[in-house]
């Protein structure tokens, strides 16, 4: 009896990626235990990315380069385009890929084995961040999920995400309905995690790292390690970006009328103080729970969130 292959679509968003793309895609093509199809969407580049990817597609039947469109200006809009334009119905699972990492050979098979049980509809994993100077550190995102963490953080790096066909189908339908508003959500991985959890899809966060997560000066987000990255993220919170993204995601999830959300959704001074008391239900990691509490208070003392 013939074994039916596990079909996985990999959605890769690229932009000026020639410094890393070859190594990234080599690690994708070395995945074992699955039948993969790689779809590449390129934000118009200046370093030869388009030509290199076109040559790659000519040499590999499993690689498709989507037609170049307008400039996306960020990875999120590029990923939204990929979900919109790739036929998710043709695959068992849908995976996201950045352009600059190194996947371990069992990455997709490990995710597929978890999702094939039917207990979960989405998978992500820990990663090992690494720098060109030889440093590396495990990024642990696998703390127990809590009631509302999906409204305030992602499940981890989006390049580890693997979604079931049913979830990808539902996600795509919602994206198409809310397309104009969606373009203002800056982080696609946060949005996808929020959508899945808000709609009752169970998510598995694997404590085992499945990839090397490259860190360099062009990372859009990167690893949250050290005081410098903490200060960059705090500035975004202080400027109102983070809380306004929360507000937008709440609207996209249709949670405006939820009793928990209504207590703080205006994000005024007293709303934030009330929200701070729910810190344990809003972030997974203990350190982040404390920072969440402190951030709510500091923002409240500053007068609330500017729209």
C-alpha atoms as a PDB file:
ATOM      1  CA  UNK A   1       0.000   0.000   0.000  1.00  0.00           C
ATOM      2  CA  UNK A   2       1.430   3.349  -1.073  1.00  0.00           C
ATOM      3  CA  UNK A   3       2.202   5.858   1.664  1.00  0.00           C
ATOM      4  CA  UNK A   4       0.430   9.177   1.099  1.00  0.00           C
ATOM      5  CA  UNK A   5       3.024  11.959   1.397  1.00  0.00           C
ATOM      6  CA  UNK A   6       2.533  14.834   3.828  1.00  0.00           C
ATOM      7  CA  UNK A   7       2.203  17.935   1.668  1.00  0.00           C
ATOM      8  CA  UNK A   8       3.488  21.201   3.123  1.00  0.00           C
ATOM      9  CA  UNK A   9       3.396  24.642   1.515  1.00  0.00           C
ATOM     10  CA  UNK A  10       6.187  26.926   2.714  1.00  0.00           C
ATOM     11  CA  UNK A  11       5.524  30.640   2.373  1.00  0.00           C
ATOM     12  CA  UNK A  12       8.752  32.661   2.207  1.00  0.00           C
ATOM     13  CA  UNK A  13       8.811  36.455   2.215  1.00  0.00           C
ATOM     14  CA  UNK A  14      12.007  37.929   0.734  1.00  0.00           C
ATOM     15  CA  UNK A  15      13.566  41.366   0.439  1.00  0.00           C
ATOM     16  CA  UNK A  16      17.221  42.086  -0.403  1.00  0.00           C
ATOM     17  CA  UNK A  17      18.053  38.653   0.946  1.00  0.00           C
ATOM     18  CA  UNK A  18      21.048  37.563  -1.106  1.00  0.00           C
ATOM     19  CA  UNK A  19      23.360  37.543   1.903  1.00  0.00           C
ATOM     20  CA  UNK A  20      21.379  34.676   3.459  1.00  0.00           C
ATOM     21  CA  UNK A  21      18.797  33.229   1.044  1.00  0.00           C
ATOM     22  CA  UNK A  22      20.958  30.456  -0.391  1.00  0.00           C
ATOM     23  CA  UNK A  23      21.695  28.976   3.046  1.00  0.00           C
ATOM     24  CA  UNK A  24      18.078  29.399   4.183  1.00  0.00           C
ATOM     25  CA  UNK A  25      16.612  27.674   1.127  1.00  0.00           C
ATOM     26  CA  UNK A  26      19.223  24.916   1.153  1.00  0.00           C
ATOM     27  CA  UNK A  27      18.049  24.036   4.670  1.00  0.00           C
ATOM     28  CA  UNK A  28      14.426  24.049   3.466  1.00  0.00           C
ATOM     29  CA  UNK A  29      15.143  21.744   0.542  1.00  0.00           C
ATOM     30  CA  UNK A  30      16.886  19.339   2.951  1.00  0.00           C
ATOM     31  CA  UNK A  31      13.717  18.793   5.016  1.00  0.00           C
ATOM     32  CA  UNK A  32      12.901  15.102   5.307  1.00  0.00           C
ATOM     33  CA  UNK A  33       9.649  13.193   5.764  1.00  0.00           C
ATOM     34  CA  UNK A  34       7.437  15.681   3.898  1.00  0.00           C
ATOM     35  CA  UNK A  35       6.671  16.689   0.315  1.00  0.00           C
ATOM     36  CA  UNK A  36       7.236  20.414   0.182  1.00  0.00           C
ATOM     37  CA  UNK A  37       6.313  23.234  -2.154  1.00  0.00           C
ATOM     38  CA  UNK A  38       8.112  26.535  -1.634  1.00  0.00           C
ATOM     39  CA  UNK A  39       6.365  29.790  -2.573  1.00  0.00           C
ATOM     40  CA  UNK A  40       8.454  32.958  -2.590  1.00  0.00           C
ATOM     41  CA  UNK A  41       7.067  36.502  -2.589  1.00  0.00           C
ATOM     42  CA  UNK A  42       9.682  39.202  -3.152  1.00  0.00           C
ATOM     43  CA  UNK A  43       9.388  42.780  -2.054  1.00  0.00           C
ATOM     44  CA  UNK A  44      11.100  44.637  -4.955  1.00  0.00           C
ATOM     45  CA  UNK A  45      14.823  44.393  -4.199  1.00  0.00           C
ATOM     46  CA  UNK A  46      18.084  45.911  -5.367  1.00  0.00           C
ATOM     47  CA  UNK A  47      20.572  43.097  -4.686  1.00  0.00           C
ATOM     48  CA  UNK A  48      19.577  40.518  -7.310  1.00  0.00           C
ATOM     49  CA  UNK A  49      17.105  38.606  -5.158  1.00  0.00           C
ATOM     50  CA  UNK A  50      14.501  38.412  -7.949  1.00  0.00           C
ATOM     51  CA  UNK A  51      16.934  37.006 -10.531  1.00  0.00           C
ATOM     52  CA  UNK A  52      18.401  34.473  -8.108  1.00  0.00           C
ATOM     53  CA  UNK A  53      14.968  33.228  -7.053  1.00  0.00           C
ATOM     54  CA  UNK A  54      13.822  32.989 -10.690  1.00  0.00           C
ATOM     55  CA  UNK A  55      16.842  30.807 -11.465  1.00  0.00           C
ATOM     56  CA  UNK A  56      16.113  28.689  -8.392  1.00  0.00           C
ATOM     57  CA  UNK A  57      12.527  28.119  -9.548  1.00  0.00           C
ATOM     58  CA  UNK A  58      13.782  27.130 -13.017  1.00  0.00           C
ATOM     59  CA  UNK A  59      15.968  24.449 -11.433  1.00  0.00           C
ATOM     60  CA  UNK A  60      13.504  23.118  -8.838  1.00  0.00           C
ATOM     61  CA  UNK A  61       9.937  22.112  -9.700  1.00  0.00           C
ATOM     62  CA  UNK A  62       8.909  22.532  -6.074  1.00  0.00           C
ATOM     63  CA  UNK A  63       9.776  26.259  -6.058  1.00  0.00           C
ATOM     64  CA  UNK A  64       7.356  28.945  -7.269  1.00  0.00           C
ATOM     65  CA  UNK A  65       8.103  32.662  -7.333  1.00  0.00           C
ATOM     66  CA  UNK A  66       4.922  34.733  -7.175  1.00  0.00           C
ATOM     67  CA  UNK A  67       4.620  37.690  -9.571  1.00  0.00           C
ATOM     68  CA  UNK A  68       6.121  40.888  -8.230  1.00  0.00           C
ATOM     69  CA  UNK A  69       3.523  43.383  -7.040  1.00  0.00           C
ATOM     70  CA  UNK A  70       3.719  46.717  -5.269  1.00  0.00           C
ATOM     71  CA  UNK A  71       6.268  47.404  -2.569  1.00  0.00           C
ATOM     72  CA  UNK A  72       5.082  45.923   0.734  1.00  0.00           C
ATOM     73  CA  UNK A  73       7.452  47.829   2.989  1.00  0.00           C
ATOM     74  CA  UNK A  74       7.601  45.109   5.625  1.00  0.00           C
ATOM     75  CA  UNK A  75       7.458  41.355   6.136  1.00  0.00           C
ATOM     76  CA  UNK A  76       3.880  41.295   7.467  1.00  0.00           C
ATOM     77  CA  UNK A  77       2.227  42.611   4.301  1.00  0.00           C
ATOM     78  CA  UNK A  78       4.361  40.260   2.243  1.00  0.00           C
ATOM     79  CA  UNK A  79       3.148  37.285   4.303  1.00  0.00           C
ATOM     80  CA  UNK A  80      -0.460  38.450   4.042  1.00  0.00           C
ATOM     81  CA  UNK A  81      -0.029  38.442   0.250  1.00  0.00           C
ATOM     82  CA  UNK A  82       1.360  34.897   0.378  1.00  0.00           C
ATOM     83  CA  UNK A  83      -1.583  33.583   2.401  1.00  0.00           C
ATOM     84  CA  UNK A  84      -3.983  35.366   0.059  1.00  0.00           C
ATOM     85  CA  UNK A  85      -2.469  34.098  -3.188  1.00  0.00           C
ATOM     86  CA  UNK A  86      -1.364  30.524  -2.405  1.00  0.00           C
ATOM     87  CA  UNK A  87      -3.993  27.769  -2.703  1.00  0.00           C
ATOM     88  CA  UNK A  88      -3.954  26.408   0.841  1.00  0.00           C
ATOM     89  CA  UNK A  89      -6.489  23.690  -0.053  1.00  0.00           C
ATOM     90  CA  UNK A  90      -3.802  21.766  -1.945  1.00  0.00           C
ATOM     91  CA  UNK A  91      -1.751  21.085   1.206  1.00  0.00           C
ATOM     92  CA  UNK A  92      -1.988  19.354   4.547  1.00  0.00           C
ATOM     93  CA  UNK A  93      -0.038  22.073   6.345  1.00  0.00           C
ATOM     94  CA  UNK A  94       1.127  25.654   5.721  1.00  0.00           C
ATOM     95  CA  UNK A  95       4.483  26.870   7.082  1.00  0.00           C
ATOM     96  CA  UNK A  96       6.044  30.330   7.232  1.00  0.00           C
ATOM     97  CA  UNK A  97       9.693  31.053   6.476  1.00  0.00           C
ATOM     98  CA  UNK A  98      11.967  34.049   6.846  1.00  0.00           C
ATOM     99  CA  UNK A  99      14.859  34.537   4.410  1.00  0.00           C
ATOM    100  CA  UNK A 100      17.830  34.399   6.747  1.00  0.00           C
ATOM    101  CA  UNK A 101      17.589  31.403   9.094  1.00  0.00           C
ATOM    102  CA  UNK A 102      18.792  27.794   9.038  1.00  0.00           C
ATOM    103  CA  UNK A 103      16.220  25.049   9.517  1.00  0.00           C
ATOM    104  CA  UNK A 104      17.125  21.774  11.163  1.00  0.00           C
ATOM    105  CA  UNK A 105      16.332  18.813   8.836  1.00  0.00           C
ATOM    106  CA  UNK A 106      13.463  17.496  10.987  1.00  0.00           C
ATOM    107  CA  UNK A 107      11.743  20.862  11.503  1.00  0.00           C
ATOM    108  CA  UNK A 108       8.693  20.276   9.290  1.00  0.00           C
ATOM    109  CA  UNK A 109       8.359  16.561  10.057  1.00  0.00           C
ATOM    110  CA  UNK A 110       8.349  17.294  13.782  1.00  0.00           C
ATOM    111  CA  UNK A 111       5.575  19.856  13.315  1.00  0.00           C
ATOM    112  CA  UNK A 112       3.607  17.549  11.010  1.00  0.00           C
ATOM    113  CA  UNK A 113       3.773  14.716  13.546  1.00  0.00           C
ATOM    114  CA  UNK A 114       2.288  16.966  16.237  1.00  0.00           C
ATOM    115  CA  UNK A 115      -0.482  18.302  13.996  1.00  0.00           C
ATOM    116  CA  UNK A 116      -1.296  14.888  12.516  1.00  0.00           C
ATOM    117  CA  UNK A 117      -2.551  13.724  15.914  1.00  0.00           C
ATOM    118  CA  UNK A 118      -5.512  16.082  15.492  1.00  0.00           C
ATOM    119  CA  UNK A 119      -5.057  17.459  19.005  1.00  0.00           C
ATOM    120  CA  UNK A 120      -3.594  20.739  17.751  1.00  0.00           C
ATOM    121  CA  UNK A 121      -4.184  22.938  14.700  1.00  0.00           C
ATOM    122  CA  UNK A 122      -1.045  25.069  14.916  1.00  0.00           C
ATOM    123  CA  UNK A 123       2.580  24.525  15.847  1.00  0.00           C
ATOM    124  CA  UNK A 124       5.525  26.742  16.716  1.00  0.00           C
ATOM    125  CA  UNK A 125       8.789  26.066  18.482  1.00  0.00           C
ATOM    126  CA  UNK A 126      11.690  27.441  20.401  1.00  0.00           C
ATOM    127  CA  UNK A 127      14.681  28.601  18.373  1.00  0.00           C
ATOM    128  CA  UNK A 128      18.409  29.072  18.883  1.00  0.00           C
ATOM    129  CA  UNK A 129      19.357  32.667  18.116  1.00  0.00           C
ATOM    130  CA  UNK A 130      22.854  33.113  16.732  1.00  0.00           C
ATOM    131  CA  UNK A 131      25.126  35.992  15.778  1.00  0.00           C
ATOM    132  CA  UNK A 132      27.968  36.234  13.285  1.00  0.00           C
ATOM    133  CA  UNK A 133      30.486  36.578  16.128  1.00  0.00           C
ATOM    134  CA  UNK A 134      29.695  33.020  17.250  1.00  0.00           C
ATOM    135  CA  UNK A 135      27.339  33.803  20.116  1.00  0.00           C
ATOM    136  CA  UNK A 136      24.157  31.767  20.448  1.00  0.00           C
ATOM    137  CA  UNK A 137      21.309  31.553  22.943  1.00  0.00           C
ATOM    138  CA  UNK A 138      18.146  29.478  23.285  1.00  0.00           C
ATOM    139  CA  UNK A 139      15.000  31.607  22.989  1.00  0.00           C
ATOM    140  CA  UNK A 140      12.423  29.901  25.156  1.00  0.00           C
ATOM    141  CA  UNK A 141       8.844  30.697  24.111  1.00  0.00           C
ATOM    142  CA  UNK A 142       7.310  27.457  25.396  1.00  0.00           C
ATOM    143  CA  UNK A 143       5.953  28.639  28.730  1.00  0.00           C
ATOM    144  CA  UNK A 144       2.365  27.504  29.425  1.00  0.00           C
ATOM    145  CA  UNK A 145      -0.194  29.495  27.463  1.00  0.00           C
ATOM    146  CA  UNK A 146      -2.527  31.664  29.528  1.00  0.00           C
ATOM    147  CA  UNK A 147      -6.011  33.011  28.948  1.00  0.00           C
ATOM    148  CA  UNK A 148      -5.171  36.212  27.065  1.00  0.00           C
ATOM    149  CA  UNK A 149      -1.508  36.049  26.019  1.00  0.00           C
ATOM    150  CA  UNK A 150      -2.528  35.891  22.335  1.00  0.00           C
ATOM    151  CA  UNK A 151      -3.829  39.471  22.481  1.00  0.00           C
ATOM    152  CA  UNK A 152      -0.485  40.764  23.735  1.00  0.00           C
ATOM    153  CA  UNK A 153       2.258  38.620  22.175  1.00  0.00           C
ATOM    154  CA  UNK A 154       3.053  36.076  19.480  1.00  0.00           C
ATOM    155  CA  UNK A 155       3.652  32.377  20.046  1.00  0.00           C
ATOM    156  CA  UNK A 156       7.296  32.910  19.121  1.00  0.00           C
ATOM    157  CA  UNK A 157       9.077  33.669  15.837  1.00  0.00           C
ATOM    158  CA  UNK A 158       6.658  33.370  12.918  1.00  0.00           C
ATOM    159  CA  UNK A 159       9.281  31.421  10.954  1.00  0.00           C
ATOM    160  CA  UNK A 160       8.508  28.425  13.199  1.00  0.00           C
ATOM    161  CA  UNK A 161       4.742  28.514  12.538  1.00  0.00           C
ATOM    162  CA  UNK A 162       3.036  25.555  10.856  1.00  0.00           C
ATOM    163  CA  UNK A 163      -0.763  25.679  10.433  1.00  0.00           C
ATOM    164  CA  UNK A 164      -3.298  22.981   9.623  1.00  0.00           C
ATOM    165  CA  UNK A 165      -5.269  23.331   6.401  1.00  0.00           C
ATOM    166  CA  UNK A 166      -8.496  24.010   8.336  1.00  0.00           C
ATOM    167  CA  UNK A 167      -6.891  26.860  10.291  1.00  0.00           C
ATOM    168  CA  UNK A 168      -5.159  28.274   7.198  1.00  0.00           C
ATOM    169  CA  UNK A 169      -8.475  28.237   5.315  1.00  0.00           C
ATOM    170  CA  UNK A 170     -10.293  30.071   8.112  1.00  0.00           C
ATOM    171  CA  UNK A 171      -7.428  32.516   8.541  1.00  0.00           C
ATOM    172  CA  UNK A 172      -7.422  33.291   4.815  1.00  0.00           C
ATOM    173  CA  UNK A 173     -11.169  33.898   4.761  1.00  0.00           C
ATOM    174  CA  UNK A 174     -10.904  36.339   7.652  1.00  0.00           C
ATOM    175  CA  UNK A 175      -7.929  38.116   6.082  1.00  0.00           C
ATOM    176  CA  UNK A 176      -9.797  38.673   2.822  1.00  0.00           C
ATOM    177  CA  UNK A 177     -12.822  40.092   4.643  1.00  0.00           C
ATOM    178  CA  UNK A 178     -10.672  42.445   6.720  1.00  0.00           C
ATOM    179  CA  UNK A 179      -7.963  43.134   4.138  1.00  0.00           C
ATOM    180  CA  UNK A 180      -7.734  46.974   4.420  1.00  0.00           C
ATOM    181  CA  UNK A 181      -7.637  46.949   8.233  1.00  0.00           C
ATOM    182  CA  UNK A 182      -5.206  44.017   8.273  1.00  0.00           C
ATOM    183  CA  UNK A 183      -2.567  46.057   6.439  1.00  0.00           C
ATOM    184  CA  UNK A 184      -2.068  48.083   9.621  1.00  0.00           C
ATOM    185  CA  UNK A 185      -1.104  45.027  11.716  1.00  0.00           C
ATOM    186  CA  UNK A 186       2.682  45.191  11.806  1.00  0.00           C
ATOM    187  CA  UNK A 187       3.475  41.653  13.006  1.00  0.00           C
ATOM    188  CA  UNK A 188       1.919  38.773  11.081  1.00  0.00           C
ATOM    189  CA  UNK A 189       3.021  36.189  13.649  1.00  0.00           C
ATOM    190  CA  UNK A 190       1.179  38.006  16.437  1.00  0.00           C
ATOM    191  CA  UNK A 191      -1.945  38.298  14.265  1.00  0.00           C
ATOM    192  CA  UNK A 192      -1.934  34.597  13.302  1.00  0.00           C
ATOM    193  CA  UNK A 193      -1.510  33.452  16.904  1.00  0.00           C
ATOM    194  CA  UNK A 194      -4.271  35.818  18.058  1.00  0.00           C
ATOM    195  CA  UNK A 195      -6.598  34.565  15.327  1.00  0.00           C
ATOM    196  CA  UNK A 196      -6.016  30.902  16.117  1.00  0.00           C
ATOM    197  CA  UNK A 197      -6.461  31.220  19.869  1.00  0.00           C
ATOM    198  CA  UNK A 198      -9.428  33.611  19.564  1.00  0.00           C
ATOM    199  CA  UNK A 199     -11.254  31.111  17.344  1.00  0.00           C
ATOM    200  CA  UNK A 200     -10.678  28.045  19.481  1.00  0.00           C
ATOM    201  CA  UNK A 201      -7.798  26.434  17.569  1.00  0.00           C
ATOM    202  CA  UNK A 202      -5.358  24.710  19.910  1.00  0.00           C
ATOM    203  CA  UNK A 203      -1.723  25.751  19.539  1.00  0.00           C
ATOM    204  CA  UNK A 204       1.343  23.676  20.461  1.00  0.00           C
ATOM    205  CA  UNK A 205       4.572  25.485  21.374  1.00  0.00           C
ATOM    206  CA  UNK A 206       7.432  22.992  21.157  1.00  0.00           C
ATOM    207  CA  UNK A 207      10.173  23.416  23.779  1.00  0.00           C
ATOM    208  CA  UNK A 208      12.649  21.787  21.374  1.00  0.00           C
ATOM    209  CA  UNK A 209      14.382  24.324  19.092  1.00  0.00           C
ATOM    210  CA  UNK A 210      13.938  23.480  15.406  1.00  0.00           C
ATOM    211  CA  UNK A 211      16.016  26.171  13.731  1.00  0.00           C
ATOM    212  CA  UNK A 212      18.921  28.572  13.974  1.00  0.00           C
ATOM    213  CA  UNK A 213      17.456  32.089  14.164  1.00  0.00           C
ATOM    214  CA  UNK A 214      19.936  34.475  12.560  1.00  0.00           C
ATOM    215  CA  UNK A 215      20.480  37.874  14.192  1.00  0.00           C
ATOM    216  CA  UNK A 216      21.773  40.817  12.180  1.00  0.00           C
ATOM    217  CA  UNK A 217      21.249  44.559  11.828  1.00  0.00           C
ATOM    218  CA  UNK A 218      18.413  44.153   9.303  1.00  0.00           C
ATOM    219  CA  UNK A 219      16.165  42.003  11.512  1.00  0.00           C
ATOM    220  CA  UNK A 220      12.668  43.523  11.582  1.00  0.00           C
ATOM    221  CA  UNK A 221      12.132  42.298  15.171  1.00  0.00           C
ATOM    222  CA  UNK A 222      14.823  39.825  16.196  1.00  0.00           C
ATOM    223  CA  UNK A 223      15.632  38.191  19.497  1.00  0.00           C
ATOM    224  CA  UNK A 224      14.479  39.866  22.688  1.00  0.00           C
ATOM    225  CA  UNK A 225      17.768  39.639  24.552  1.00  0.00           C
ATOM    226  CA  UNK A 226      19.725  42.238  26.495  1.00  0.00           C
ATOM    227  CA  UNK A 227      19.069  45.763  27.681  1.00  0.00           C
ATOM    228  CA  UNK A 228      19.381  47.356  24.219  1.00  0.00           C
ATOM    229  CA  UNK A 229      16.537  45.343  22.673  1.00  0.00           C
ATOM    230  CA  UNK A 230      14.455  45.826  25.813  1.00  0.00           C
ATOM    231  CA  UNK A 231      14.823  49.600  25.491  1.00  0.00           C
ATOM    232  CA  UNK A 232      13.848  49.514  21.795  1.00  0.00           C
ATOM    233  CA  UNK A 233      10.707  47.577  22.634  1.00  0.00           C
ATOM    234  CA  UNK A 234       9.869  49.864  25.557  1.00  0.00           C
ATOM    235  CA  UNK A 235      10.131  52.885  23.246  1.00  0.00           C
ATOM    236  CA  UNK A 236       7.505  51.330  20.954  1.00  0.00           C
ATOM    237  CA  UNK A 237       5.255  50.810  23.969  1.00  0.00           C
ATOM    238  CA  UNK A 238       5.845  54.351  25.227  1.00  0.00           C
ATOM    239  CA  UNK A 239       5.079  55.757  21.765  1.00  0.00           C
ATOM    240  CA  UNK A 240       1.721  53.974  21.785  1.00  0.00           C
ATOM    241  CA  UNK A 241       2.517  51.567  18.943  1.00  0.00           C
ATOM    242  CA  UNK A 242       2.200  48.365  20.970  1.00  0.00           C
ATOM    243  CA  UNK A 243      -1.072  49.182  22.748  1.00  0.00           C
ATOM    244  CA  UNK A 244      -2.581  50.464  19.504  1.00  0.00           C
ATOM    245  CA  UNK A 245      -1.642  47.169  17.854  1.00  0.00           C
ATOM    246  CA  UNK A 246      -3.439  45.404  20.721  1.00  0.00           C
ATOM    247  CA  UNK A 247      -6.498  47.580  20.095  1.00  0.00           C
ATOM    248  CA  UNK A 248      -6.417  46.767  16.367  1.00  0.00           C
ATOM    249  CA  UNK A 249      -6.029  43.031  16.906  1.00  0.00           C
ATOM    250  CA  UNK A 250      -8.942  43.054  19.342  1.00  0.00           C
ATOM    251  CA  UNK A 251     -11.118  44.633  16.645  1.00  0.00           C
ATOM    252  CA  UNK A 252      -9.997  42.127  14.013  1.00  0.00           C
ATOM    253  CA  UNK A 253     -10.781  39.251  16.372  1.00  0.00           C
ATOM    254  CA  UNK A 254     -14.278  40.635  17.037  1.00  0.00           C
ATOM    255  CA  UNK A 255     -13.604  40.835  20.771  1.00  0.00           C
ATOM    256  CA  UNK A 256     -14.696  44.435  21.342  1.00  0.00           C
ATOM    257  CA  UNK A 257     -17.684  43.306  23.424  1.00  0.00           C
ATOM    258  CA  UNK A 258     -15.887  40.662  25.468  1.00  0.00           C
ATOM    259  CA  UNK A 259     -16.273  41.488  29.204  1.00  0.00           C
ATOM    260  CA  UNK A 260     -12.536  41.182  29.839  1.00  0.00           C
ATOM    261  CA  UNK A 261     -11.643  43.419  26.902  1.00  0.00           C
ATOM    262  CA  UNK A 262     -14.295  46.037  27.688  1.00  0.00           C
ATOM    263  CA  UNK A 263     -12.713  46.671  31.107  1.00  0.00           C
ATOM    264  CA  UNK A 264      -9.587  48.175  29.529  1.00  0.00           C
ATOM    265  CA  UNK A 265     -10.126  48.625  25.774  1.00  0.00           C
ATOM    266  CA  UNK A 266     -10.191  52.435  25.883  1.00  0.00           C
ATOM    267  CA  UNK A 267      -6.637  52.264  27.301  1.00  0.00           C
ATOM    268  CA  UNK A 268      -7.077  55.352  29.425  1.00  0.00           C
ATOM    269  CA  UNK A 269      -5.337  55.819  32.758  1.00  0.00           C
ATOM    270  CA  UNK A 270      -7.808  53.833  34.874  1.00  0.00           C
ATOM    271  CA  UNK A 271      -8.267  51.194  32.166  1.00  0.00           C
ATOM    272  CA  UNK A 272      -4.546  50.481  32.179  1.00  0.00           C
ATOM    273  CA  UNK A 273      -4.437  50.214  35.955  1.00  0.00           C
ATOM    274  CA  UNK A 274      -7.233  47.637  35.781  1.00  0.00           C
ATOM    275  CA  UNK A 275      -5.416  45.805  33.002  1.00  0.00           C
ATOM    276  CA  UNK A 276      -2.233  45.664  35.080  1.00  0.00           C
ATOM    277  CA  UNK A 277      -4.060  43.487  37.627  1.00  0.00           C
ATOM    278  CA  UNK A 278      -4.518  40.841  34.905  1.00  0.00           C
ATOM    279  CA  UNK A 279      -0.823  40.687  34.021  1.00  0.00           C
ATOM    280  CA  UNK A 280      -0.600  36.992  34.927  1.00  0.00           C
ATOM    281  CA  UNK A 281      -3.212  36.207  32.267  1.00  0.00           C
ATOM    282  CA  UNK A 282      -1.686  38.396  29.562  1.00  0.00           C
ATOM    283  CA  UNK A 283       1.873  37.142  29.138  1.00  0.00           C
ATOM    284  CA  UNK A 284       3.410  33.671  29.362  1.00  0.00           C
ATOM    285  CA  UNK A 285       6.870  34.244  30.767  1.00  0.00           C
ATOM    286  CA  UNK A 286       7.212  35.298  34.418  1.00  0.00           C
ATOM    287  CA  UNK A 287       9.575  38.167  33.587  1.00  0.00           C
ATOM    288  CA  UNK A 288       7.150  39.423  30.957  1.00  0.00           C
ATOM    289  CA  UNK A 289       4.262  39.348  33.404  1.00  0.00           C
ATOM    290  CA  UNK A 290       6.210  41.705  35.680  1.00  0.00           C
ATOM    291  CA  UNK A 291       7.178  43.967  32.767  1.00  0.00           C
ATOM    292  CA  UNK A 292       3.569  44.005  31.595  1.00  0.00           C
ATOM    293  CA  UNK A 293       2.405  45.150  35.030  1.00  0.00           C
ATOM    294  CA  UNK A 294       5.065  47.867  35.182  1.00  0.00           C
ATOM    295  CA  UNK A 295       4.367  49.002  31.613  1.00  0.00           C
ATOM    296  CA  UNK A 296       0.663  49.395  32.304  1.00  0.00           C
ATOM    297  CA  UNK A 297       1.417  51.550  35.347  1.00  0.00           C
ATOM    298  CA  UNK A 298       4.025  53.703  33.594  1.00  0.00           C
ATOM    299  CA  UNK A 299       1.703  54.269  30.644  1.00  0.00           C
ATOM    300  CA  UNK A 300      -1.174  55.073  32.996  1.00  0.00           C
ATOM    301  CA  UNK A 301       0.934  57.604  34.902  1.00  0.00           C
ATOM    302  CA  UNK A 302       1.798  59.217  31.574  1.00  0.00           C
ATOM    303  CA  UNK A 303      -1.913  59.743  30.935  1.00  0.00           C
ATOM    304  CA  UNK A 304      -2.874  56.661  28.937  1.00  0.00           C
ATOM    305  CA  UNK A 305      -2.311  55.563  25.358  1.00  0.00           C
ATOM    306  CA  UNK A 306      -2.277  58.093  22.537  1.00  0.00           C
ATOM    307  CA  UNK A 307      -4.359  56.962  19.553  1.00  0.00           C
END
